[in-house]
Amino acid sequence: MTIGIALSGGGSRGLAHLGALKALSELGIKPTMIAGSSAGSLIGAFTAAGYSPDFIFETIQSLGIFNSIKFAFNRFGLFKMDKLEEIFLKYIPHNSFEKLKIPLVVCATDIEKGIAVYFSGGELIKPVMASCSIPGIFEPINFQDRILVDGGVTNNLPIEQLEGICDFIIGVNVTPVSNDMPINSAKDILTKSLYLAIRNNSGEKLKRCDVAIEPTEMYNFNGLSMSKSKEIYQLGYENTMRATEGKLAQIL
């Protein structure tokens, strides 16, 4: 039985992926292949490199990941990711898809052509950085003659890269939308509009997954803040335990 896991984007909400992966590991479920967009690609890369969910969580916490982002106002974005590249090289020094312990597919967006681009071989770190480059906030990544931004723009839950290859697919979406989301400002309108566009894309794909994990309470958390990281991690864990209940025999 080959098991594929698709991990969505969601900024710091992506820490819920670690809770989900921890729960799956405790249940004896290990991915044969991982596909990720944005935060999902980052978590996917560290997981595919062989690090445990707890280790990844503690490492992200201790590094103060958002403190490592370099301010660089320019016409393309507000922040650069140079420091993040150093962090990646420290923990994944081989910088290679082929040397990962689990096959990984990373989704980024070619912003000039408006298409999703998938990486599964060659240099690892630049595609992951590109997949995490939220438009208007982070500077785009130039790689292989493309200008690349956040993979979630075109495909926030890249299950297509697992279909036809894996016998069983688990999808984890950490960007749910609720009708109860408060609308008190222009920022709230922009945020909900973005989440609606992403959720409409991810929602249909979740229906094609054998197990769909979507912590609906996640809309309460700011995707650019680490202040509630432990709660986010726990939500991923608890929702995964509920979503897999009664399905273990089917998976294992």
C-alpha atoms as a PDB file:
ATOM      1  CA  MET A   1       0.000   0.000   0.000  1.00  0.00           C
ATOM      2  CA  THR A   2       1.537   3.283  -1.108  1.00  0.00           C
ATOM      3  CA  ILE A   3       0.344   6.335   0.826  1.00  0.00           C
ATOM      4  CA  GLY A   4       0.516   9.865  -0.535  1.00  0.00           C
ATOM      5  CA  ILE A   5       0.038  12.948   1.628  1.00  0.00           C
ATOM      6  CA  ALA A   6      -0.825  16.379   0.210  1.00  0.00           C
ATOM      7  CA  LEU A   7      -0.099  19.375   2.452  1.00  0.00           C
ATOM      8  CA  SER A   8      -1.718  22.746   1.757  1.00  0.00           C
ATOM      9  CA  GLY A   9      -0.394  26.257   2.189  1.00  0.00           C
ATOM     10  CA  GLY A  10      -1.415  28.454   5.094  1.00  0.00           C
ATOM     11  CA  GLY A  11       1.552  30.342   6.565  1.00  0.00           C
ATOM     12  CA  SER A  12       2.066  29.576  10.262  1.00  0.00           C
ATOM     13  CA  ARG A  13      -1.136  27.536  10.108  1.00  0.00           C
ATOM     14  CA  GLY A  14       1.075  24.998   8.379  1.00  0.00           C
ATOM     15  CA  LEU A  15       2.257  23.949  11.836  1.00  0.00           C
ATOM     16  CA  ALA A  16      -0.995  21.970  11.929  1.00  0.00           C
ATOM     17  CA  HIS A  17       0.607  19.719   9.305  1.00  0.00           C
ATOM     18  CA  LEU A  18       3.133  18.690  11.939  1.00  0.00           C
ATOM     19  CA  GLY A  19       0.346  17.747  14.339  1.00  0.00           C
ATOM     20  CA  ALA A  20      -1.283  15.747  11.551  1.00  0.00           C
ATOM     21  CA  LEU A  21       1.968  13.973  10.691  1.00  0.00           C
ATOM     22  CA  LYS A  22       2.600  13.176  14.352  1.00  0.00           C
ATOM     23  CA  ALA A  23      -0.869  11.639  14.690  1.00  0.00           C
ATOM     24  CA  LEU A  24      -0.406   9.592  11.515  1.00  0.00           C
ATOM     25  CA  SER A  25       2.986   8.367  12.736  1.00  0.00           C
ATOM     26  CA  GLU A  26       1.495   7.243  16.051  1.00  0.00           C
ATOM     27  CA  LEU A  27      -1.148   5.336  14.084  1.00  0.00           C
ATOM     28  CA  GLY A  28       1.550   3.586  12.082  1.00  0.00           C
ATOM     29  CA  ILE A  29       0.830   5.531   8.888  1.00  0.00           C
ATOM     30  CA  LYS A  30       3.950   6.681   7.047  1.00  0.00           C
ATOM     31  CA  PRO A  31       3.873   8.534   3.722  1.00  0.00           C
ATOM     32  CA  THR A  32       5.361   6.923   0.661  1.00  0.00           C
ATOM     33  CA  MET A  33       5.243  10.274  -1.140  1.00  0.00           C
ATOM     34  CA  ILE A  34       4.534  13.906  -0.167  1.00  0.00           C
ATOM     35  CA  ALA A  35       3.228  16.820  -2.251  1.00  0.00           C
ATOM     36  CA  GLY A  36       3.042  20.337  -0.839  1.00  0.00           C
ATOM     37  CA  SER A  37       2.335  23.976  -1.579  1.00  0.00           C
ATOM     38  CA  SER A  38       3.690  26.951   0.347  1.00  0.00           C
ATOM     39  CA  ALA A  39       3.930  26.060   4.064  1.00  0.00           C
ATOM     40  CA  GLY A  40       3.077  22.494   3.068  1.00  0.00           C
ATOM     41  CA  SER A  41       6.193  22.339   0.894  1.00  0.00           C
ATOM     42  CA  LEU A  42       8.379  23.548   3.776  1.00  0.00           C
ATOM     43  CA  ILE A  43       6.957  20.996   6.221  1.00  0.00           C
ATOM     44  CA  GLY A  44       7.080  18.395   3.478  1.00  0.00           C
ATOM     45  CA  ALA A  45      10.774  19.049   2.769  1.00  0.00           C
ATOM     46  CA  PHE A  46      11.840  18.664   6.403  1.00  0.00           C
ATOM     47  CA  THR A  47       9.672  15.551   6.774  1.00  0.00           C
ATOM     48  CA  ALA A  48      11.026  14.025   3.570  1.00  0.00           C
ATOM     49  CA  ALA A  49      14.550  14.723   4.854  1.00  0.00           C
ATOM     50  CA  GLY A  50      13.825  12.405   7.796  1.00  0.00           C
ATOM     51  CA  TYR A  51      13.061  14.812  10.644  1.00  0.00           C
ATOM     52  CA  SER A  52      10.256  14.011  13.094  1.00  0.00           C
ATOM     53  CA  PRO A  53       7.223  16.310  13.542  1.00  0.00           C
ATOM     54  CA  ASP A  54       8.295  17.184  17.095  1.00  0.00           C
ATOM     55  CA  PHE A  55      11.839  18.050  15.988  1.00  0.00           C
ATOM     56  CA  ILE A  56      10.586  20.232  13.134  1.00  0.00           C
ATOM     57  CA  PHE A  57       8.139  22.019  15.430  1.00  0.00           C
ATOM     58  CA  GLU A  58      10.769  22.729  18.083  1.00  0.00           C
ATOM     59  CA  THR A  59      13.267  23.853  15.444  1.00  0.00           C
ATOM     60  CA  ILE A  60      10.828  26.318  13.864  1.00  0.00           C
ATOM     61  CA  GLN A  61       9.946  27.602  17.326  1.00  0.00           C
ATOM     62  CA  SER A  62      13.557  28.063  18.425  1.00  0.00           C
ATOM     63  CA  LEU A  63      14.674  29.725  15.200  1.00  0.00           C
ATOM     64  CA  GLY A  64      11.950  32.360  15.350  1.00  0.00           C
ATOM     65  CA  ILE A  65      11.391  31.864  11.643  1.00  0.00           C
ATOM     66  CA  PHE A  66       9.742  35.258  11.011  1.00  0.00           C
ATOM     67  CA  ASN A  67      12.659  37.019  12.698  1.00  0.00           C
ATOM     68  CA  SER A  68      14.908  35.534  10.028  1.00  0.00           C
ATOM     69  CA  ILE A  69      13.163  37.365   7.195  1.00  0.00           C
ATOM     70  CA  LYS A  70      15.144  40.294   5.834  1.00  0.00           C
ATOM     71  CA  PHE A  71      13.310  43.562   5.207  1.00  0.00           C
ATOM     72  CA  ALA A  72      13.950  44.691   1.641  1.00  0.00           C
ATOM     73  CA  PHE A  73      11.256  46.984   0.293  1.00  0.00           C
ATOM     74  CA  ASN A  74      11.190  46.986  -3.491  1.00  0.00           C
ATOM     75  CA  ARG A  75       8.653  46.956  -6.278  1.00  0.00           C
ATOM     76  CA  PHE A  76       8.098  43.195  -6.045  1.00  0.00           C
ATOM     77  CA  GLY A  77       7.722  42.580  -2.326  1.00  0.00           C
ATOM     78  CA  LEU A  78       8.505  43.672   1.192  1.00  0.00           C
ATOM     79  CA  PHE A  79      10.765  40.888   2.412  1.00  0.00           C
ATOM     80  CA  LYS A  80      13.586  38.682   1.165  1.00  0.00           C
ATOM     81  CA  MET A  81      14.232  35.070   2.149  1.00  0.00           C
ATOM     82  CA  ASP A  82      18.041  34.999   2.145  1.00  0.00           C
ATOM     83  CA  LYS A  83      18.288  34.009   5.812  1.00  0.00           C
ATOM     84  CA  LEU A  84      15.808  31.183   5.295  1.00  0.00           C
ATOM     85  CA  GLU A  85      18.109  29.714   2.676  1.00  0.00           C
ATOM     86  CA  GLU A  86      20.880  29.521   5.299  1.00  0.00           C
ATOM     87  CA  ILE A  87      18.510  27.715   7.670  1.00  0.00           C
ATOM     88  CA  PHE A  88      17.532  25.191   5.005  1.00  0.00           C
ATOM     89  CA  LEU A  89      21.180  24.503   4.188  1.00  0.00           C
ATOM     90  CA  LYS A  90      21.938  23.880   7.848  1.00  0.00           C
ATOM     91  CA  TYR A  91      19.314  21.152   8.170  1.00  0.00           C
ATOM     92  CA  ILE A  92      19.198  19.843   4.586  1.00  0.00           C
ATOM     93  CA  PRO A  93      22.801  20.433   3.434  1.00  0.00           C
ATOM     94  CA  HIS A  94      22.587  18.122   0.417  1.00  0.00           C
ATOM     95  CA  ASN A  95      19.995  20.492  -1.148  1.00  0.00           C
ATOM     96  CA  SER A  96      18.706  17.734  -3.405  1.00  0.00           C
ATOM     97  CA  PHE A  97      15.320  16.164  -4.108  1.00  0.00           C
ATOM     98  CA  GLU A  98      17.032  12.907  -5.007  1.00  0.00           C
ATOM     99  CA  LYS A  99      18.717  12.590  -1.583  1.00  0.00           C
ATOM    100  CA  LEU A 100      15.503  12.960   0.409  1.00  0.00           C
ATOM    101  CA  LYS A 101      14.305   9.875   2.272  1.00  0.00           C
ATOM    102  CA  ILE A 102      10.741  10.279   0.937  1.00  0.00           C
ATOM    103  CA  PRO A 103       9.915  11.451  -2.606  1.00  0.00           C
ATOM    104  CA  LEU A 104       8.629  15.038  -2.562  1.00  0.00           C
ATOM    105  CA  VAL A 105       6.792  17.223  -5.069  1.00  0.00           C
ATOM    106  CA  VAL A 106       6.812  20.995  -4.517  1.00  0.00           C
ATOM    107  CA  CYS A 107       4.286  23.283  -6.185  1.00  0.00           C
ATOM    108  CA  ALA A 108       5.181  26.901  -7.018  1.00  0.00           C
ATOM    109  CA  THR A 109       3.524  29.445  -9.315  1.00  0.00           C
ATOM    110  CA  ASP A 110       5.089  30.911 -12.446  1.00  0.00           C
ATOM    111  CA  ILE A 111       3.634  34.390 -11.989  1.00  0.00           C
ATOM    112  CA  GLU A 112       4.430  35.528 -15.534  1.00  0.00           C
ATOM    113  CA  LYS A 113       2.604  32.626 -17.186  1.00  0.00           C
ATOM    114  CA  GLY A 114       0.022  32.191 -14.429  1.00  0.00           C
ATOM    115  CA  ILE A 115       0.554  28.443 -14.147  1.00  0.00           C
ATOM    116  CA  ALA A 116       1.472  25.929 -11.466  1.00  0.00           C
ATOM    117  CA  VAL A 117       4.997  24.516 -11.743  1.00  0.00           C
ATOM    118  CA  TYR A 118       6.029  21.281 -10.030  1.00  0.00           C
ATOM    119  CA  PHE A 119       9.496  20.322  -8.843  1.00  0.00           C
ATOM    120  CA  SER A 120      10.589  16.822  -7.838  1.00  0.00           C
ATOM    121  CA  GLY A 121      14.220  16.631  -8.905  1.00  0.00           C
ATOM    122  CA  GLY A 122      17.433  18.618  -8.790  1.00  0.00           C
ATOM    123  CA  GLU A 123      17.963  21.558  -6.444  1.00  0.00           C
ATOM    124  CA  LEU A 124      15.539  21.491  -3.502  1.00  0.00           C
ATOM    125  CA  ILE A 125      15.782  24.715  -1.521  1.00  0.00           C
ATOM    126  CA  LYS A 126      15.005  27.330  -4.190  1.00  0.00           C
ATOM    127  CA  PRO A 127      11.733  25.618  -5.230  1.00  0.00           C
ATOM    128  CA  VAL A 128      10.633  25.379  -1.566  1.00  0.00           C
ATOM    129  CA  MET A 129      11.469  29.053  -0.993  1.00  0.00           C
ATOM    130  CA  ALA A 130       9.548  29.950  -4.142  1.00  0.00           C
ATOM    131  CA  SER A 131       6.556  27.910  -3.029  1.00  0.00           C
ATOM    132  CA  CYS A 132       6.492  29.905   0.235  1.00  0.00           C
ATOM    133  CA  SER A 133       6.822  33.364  -1.377  1.00  0.00           C
ATOM    134  CA  ILE A 134       3.443  34.967  -0.636  1.00  0.00           C
ATOM    135  CA  PRO A 135       2.816  37.587  -3.370  1.00  0.00           C
ATOM    136  CA  GLY A 136       3.191  41.180  -2.227  1.00  0.00           C
ATOM    137  CA  ILE A 137       4.863  40.123   1.023  1.00  0.00           C
ATOM    138  CA  PHE A 138       7.907  38.146  -0.082  1.00  0.00           C
ATOM    139  CA  GLU A 139      10.162  38.863  -3.007  1.00  0.00           C
ATOM    140  CA  PRO A 140       9.633  36.369  -5.873  1.00  0.00           C
ATOM    141  CA  ILE A 141      12.296  33.726  -6.469  1.00  0.00           C
ATOM    142  CA  ASN A 142      14.078  33.624  -9.817  1.00  0.00           C
ATOM    143  CA  PHE A 143      14.794  30.002 -10.678  1.00  0.00           C
ATOM    144  CA  GLN A 144      15.257  28.148 -13.966  1.00  0.00           C
ATOM    145  CA  ASP A 145      14.353  31.251 -15.990  1.00  0.00           C
ATOM    146  CA  ARG A 146      11.030  31.631 -14.174  1.00  0.00           C
ATOM    147  CA  ILE A 147       9.722  34.209 -11.703  1.00  0.00           C
ATOM    148  CA  LEU A 148       8.146  32.063  -9.005  1.00  0.00           C
ATOM    149  CA  VAL A 149       5.769  32.815  -6.138  1.00  0.00           C
ATOM    150  CA  ASP A 150       3.544  30.949  -3.671  1.00  0.00           C
ATOM    151  CA  GLY A 151       2.286  27.607  -4.972  1.00  0.00           C
ATOM    152  CA  GLY A 152      -1.036  28.153  -3.235  1.00  0.00           C
ATOM    153  CA  VAL A 153      -1.934  30.821  -5.794  1.00  0.00           C
ATOM    154  CA  THR A 154      -2.526  28.176  -8.471  1.00  0.00           C
ATOM    155  CA  ASN A 155      -2.757  24.899  -6.547  1.00  0.00           C
ATOM    156  CA  ASN A 156      -3.049  24.999  -2.776  1.00  0.00           C
ATOM    157  CA  LEU A 157      -3.517  21.235  -2.380  1.00  0.00           C
ATOM    158  CA  PRO A 158      -1.541  19.437  -5.119  1.00  0.00           C
ATOM    159  CA  ILE A 159      -3.125  15.984  -4.927  1.00  0.00           C
ATOM    160  CA  GLU A 160      -2.810  15.559  -8.718  1.00  0.00           C
ATOM    161  CA  GLN A 161       0.857  14.763  -8.211  1.00  0.00           C
ATOM    162  CA  LEU A 162      -0.139  11.775  -6.075  1.00  0.00           C
ATOM    163  CA  GLU A 163      -3.084  10.474  -8.095  1.00  0.00           C
ATOM    164  CA  GLY A 164      -2.275   7.473 -10.243  1.00  0.00           C
ATOM    165  CA  ILE A 165       0.904   6.862  -8.236  1.00  0.00           C
ATOM    166  CA  CYS A 166      -0.303   6.276  -4.681  1.00  0.00           C
ATOM    167  CA  ASP A 167      -2.933   3.709  -3.653  1.00  0.00           C
ATOM    168  CA  PHE A 168      -4.242   5.881  -0.829  1.00  0.00           C
ATOM    169  CA  ILE A 169      -4.275   9.682  -0.594  1.00  0.00           C
ATOM    170  CA  ILE A 170      -4.524  11.809   2.542  1.00  0.00           C
ATOM    171  CA  GLY A 171      -5.183  15.526   2.092  1.00  0.00           C
ATOM    172  CA  VAL A 172      -4.528  18.110   4.805  1.00  0.00           C
ATOM    173  CA  ASN A 173      -5.983  21.580   4.253  1.00  0.00           C
ATOM    174  CA  VAL A 174      -5.162  24.254   6.832  1.00  0.00           C
ATOM    175  CA  THR A 175      -6.890  27.169   5.072  1.00  0.00           C
ATOM    176  CA  PRO A 176     -10.592  26.607   5.808  1.00  0.00           C
ATOM    177  CA  VAL A 177     -13.158  29.376   5.515  1.00  0.00           C
ATOM    178  CA  SER A 178     -16.054  29.937   7.893  1.00  0.00           C
ATOM    179  CA  ASN A 179     -19.186  32.035   7.525  1.00  0.00           C
ATOM    180  CA  ASP A 180     -18.402  33.237  11.041  1.00  0.00           C
ATOM    181  CA  MET A 181     -15.164  34.970  10.012  1.00  0.00           C
ATOM    182  CA  PRO A 182     -15.463  38.596  11.238  1.00  0.00           C
ATOM    183  CA  ILE A 183     -15.636  41.331   8.609  1.00  0.00           C
ATOM    184  CA  ASN A 184     -14.671  44.568  10.344  1.00  0.00           C
ATOM    185  CA  SER A 185     -12.119  46.096   8.004  1.00  0.00           C
ATOM    186  CA  ALA A 186     -10.684  46.145   4.491  1.00  0.00           C
ATOM    187  CA  LYS A 187      -8.034  43.699   5.699  1.00  0.00           C
ATOM    188  CA  ASP A 188     -10.756  41.266   6.814  1.00  0.00           C
ATOM    189  CA  ILE A 189     -12.415  41.498   3.398  1.00  0.00           C
ATOM    190  CA  LEU A 190      -9.110  40.888   1.605  1.00  0.00           C
ATOM    191  CA  THR A 191      -8.234  37.965   3.876  1.00  0.00           C
ATOM    192  CA  LYS A 192     -11.589  36.238   3.501  1.00  0.00           C
ATOM    193  CA  SER A 193     -11.594  36.804  -0.268  1.00  0.00           C
ATOM    194  CA  LEU A 194      -8.176  35.161  -0.518  1.00  0.00           C
ATOM    195  CA  TYR A 195      -9.202  32.238   1.667  1.00  0.00           C
ATOM    196  CA  LEU A 196     -12.427  31.758  -0.307  1.00  0.00           C
ATOM    197  CA  ALA A 197     -10.503  31.542  -3.578  1.00  0.00           C
ATOM    198  CA  ILE A 198      -8.040  29.061  -2.088  1.00  0.00           C
ATOM    199  CA  ARG A 199     -10.704  27.081  -0.216  1.00  0.00           C
ATOM    200  CA  ASN A 200     -12.886  26.659  -3.298  1.00  0.00           C
ATOM    201  CA  ASN A 201      -9.893  25.129  -5.020  1.00  0.00           C
ATOM    202  CA  SER A 202      -8.851  22.923  -2.090  1.00  0.00           C
ATOM    203  CA  GLY A 203     -12.392  21.921  -1.088  1.00  0.00           C
ATOM    204  CA  GLU A 204     -13.111  20.084  -4.318  1.00  0.00           C
ATOM    205  CA  LYS A 205      -9.805  18.259  -4.091  1.00  0.00           C
ATOM    206  CA  LEU A 206     -10.442  17.141  -0.524  1.00  0.00           C
ATOM    207  CA  LYS A 207     -13.448  15.221  -1.846  1.00  0.00           C
ATOM    208  CA  ARG A 208     -11.082  13.152  -3.989  1.00  0.00           C
ATOM    209  CA  CYS A 209      -8.916  12.176  -1.005  1.00  0.00           C
ATOM    210  CA  ASP A 210      -9.403   8.882   0.826  1.00  0.00           C
ATOM    211  CA  VAL A 211      -8.926  10.770   4.098  1.00  0.00           C
ATOM    212  CA  ALA A 212      -9.606  14.512   4.258  1.00  0.00           C
ATOM    213  CA  ILE A 213      -8.232  16.493   7.197  1.00  0.00           C
ATOM    214  CA  GLU A 214      -9.392  20.089   7.573  1.00  0.00           C
ATOM    215  CA  PRO A 215      -9.271  21.705  11.042  1.00  0.00           C
ATOM    216  CA  THR A 216     -12.203  24.101  10.638  1.00  0.00           C
ATOM    217  CA  GLU A 217     -11.233  26.052  13.776  1.00  0.00           C
ATOM    218  CA  MET A 218      -8.068  27.156  11.963  1.00  0.00           C
ATOM    219  CA  TYR A 219      -9.740  30.251  10.528  1.00  0.00           C
ATOM    220  CA  ASN A 220      -9.397  31.810  13.981  1.00  0.00           C
ATOM    221  CA  PHE A 221      -5.609  31.927  13.689  1.00  0.00           C
ATOM    222  CA  ASN A 222      -3.416  34.507  11.969  1.00  0.00           C
ATOM    223  CA  GLY A 223      -1.341  32.795   9.290  1.00  0.00           C
ATOM    224  CA  LEU A 224       1.552  35.223   9.788  1.00  0.00           C
ATOM    225  CA  SER A 225       1.866  34.881  13.557  1.00  0.00           C
ATOM    226  CA  MET A 226       3.609  32.243  15.661  1.00  0.00           C
ATOM    227  CA  SER A 227       1.936  33.295  18.917  1.00  0.00           C
ATOM    228  CA  LYS A 228      -0.570  30.407  18.852  1.00  0.00           C
ATOM    229  CA  SER A 229       1.747  27.792  17.394  1.00  0.00           C
ATOM    230  CA  LYS A 230       1.114  25.142  20.057  1.00  0.00           C
ATOM    231  CA  GLU A 231      -2.665  25.447  19.646  1.00  0.00           C
ATOM    232  CA  ILE A 232      -2.308  25.143  15.866  1.00  0.00           C
ATOM    233  CA  TYR A 233      -0.096  22.063  16.225  1.00  0.00           C
ATOM    234  CA  GLN A 234      -2.595  20.450  18.592  1.00  0.00           C
ATOM    235  CA  LEU A 235      -5.534  21.149  16.264  1.00  0.00           C
ATOM    236  CA  GLY A 236      -3.756  19.312  13.475  1.00  0.00           C
ATOM    237  CA  TYR A 237      -3.144  16.358  15.762  1.00  0.00           C
ATOM    238  CA  GLU A 238      -6.689  16.130  17.140  1.00  0.00           C
ATOM    239  CA  ASN A 239      -8.407  16.565  13.757  1.00  0.00           C
ATOM    240  CA  THR A 240      -6.251  13.859  12.217  1.00  0.00           C
ATOM    241  CA  MET A 241      -7.111  11.399  14.968  1.00  0.00           C
ATOM    242  CA  ARG A 242     -10.820  12.074  14.331  1.00  0.00           C
ATOM    243  CA  ALA A 243     -10.541  11.933  10.534  1.00  0.00           C
ATOM    244  CA  THR A 244      -8.776   8.557  10.548  1.00  0.00           C
ATOM    245  CA  GLU A 245     -11.064   6.944  13.095  1.00  0.00           C
ATOM    246  CA  GLY A 246     -12.498   3.746  11.648  1.00  0.00           C
ATOM    247  CA  LYS A 247     -10.280   3.925   8.539  1.00  0.00           C
ATOM    248  CA  LEU A 248      -7.036   2.342   9.776  1.00  0.00           C
ATOM    249  CA  ALA A 249      -7.833  -1.090   8.370  1.00  0.00           C
ATOM    250  CA  GLN A 250      -8.448   0.546   5.023  1.00  0.00           C
ATOM    251  CA  ILE A 251      -5.115   2.391   5.104  1.00  0.00           C
ATOM    252  CA  LEU A 252      -2.734  -0.175   6.610  1.00  0.00           C
END
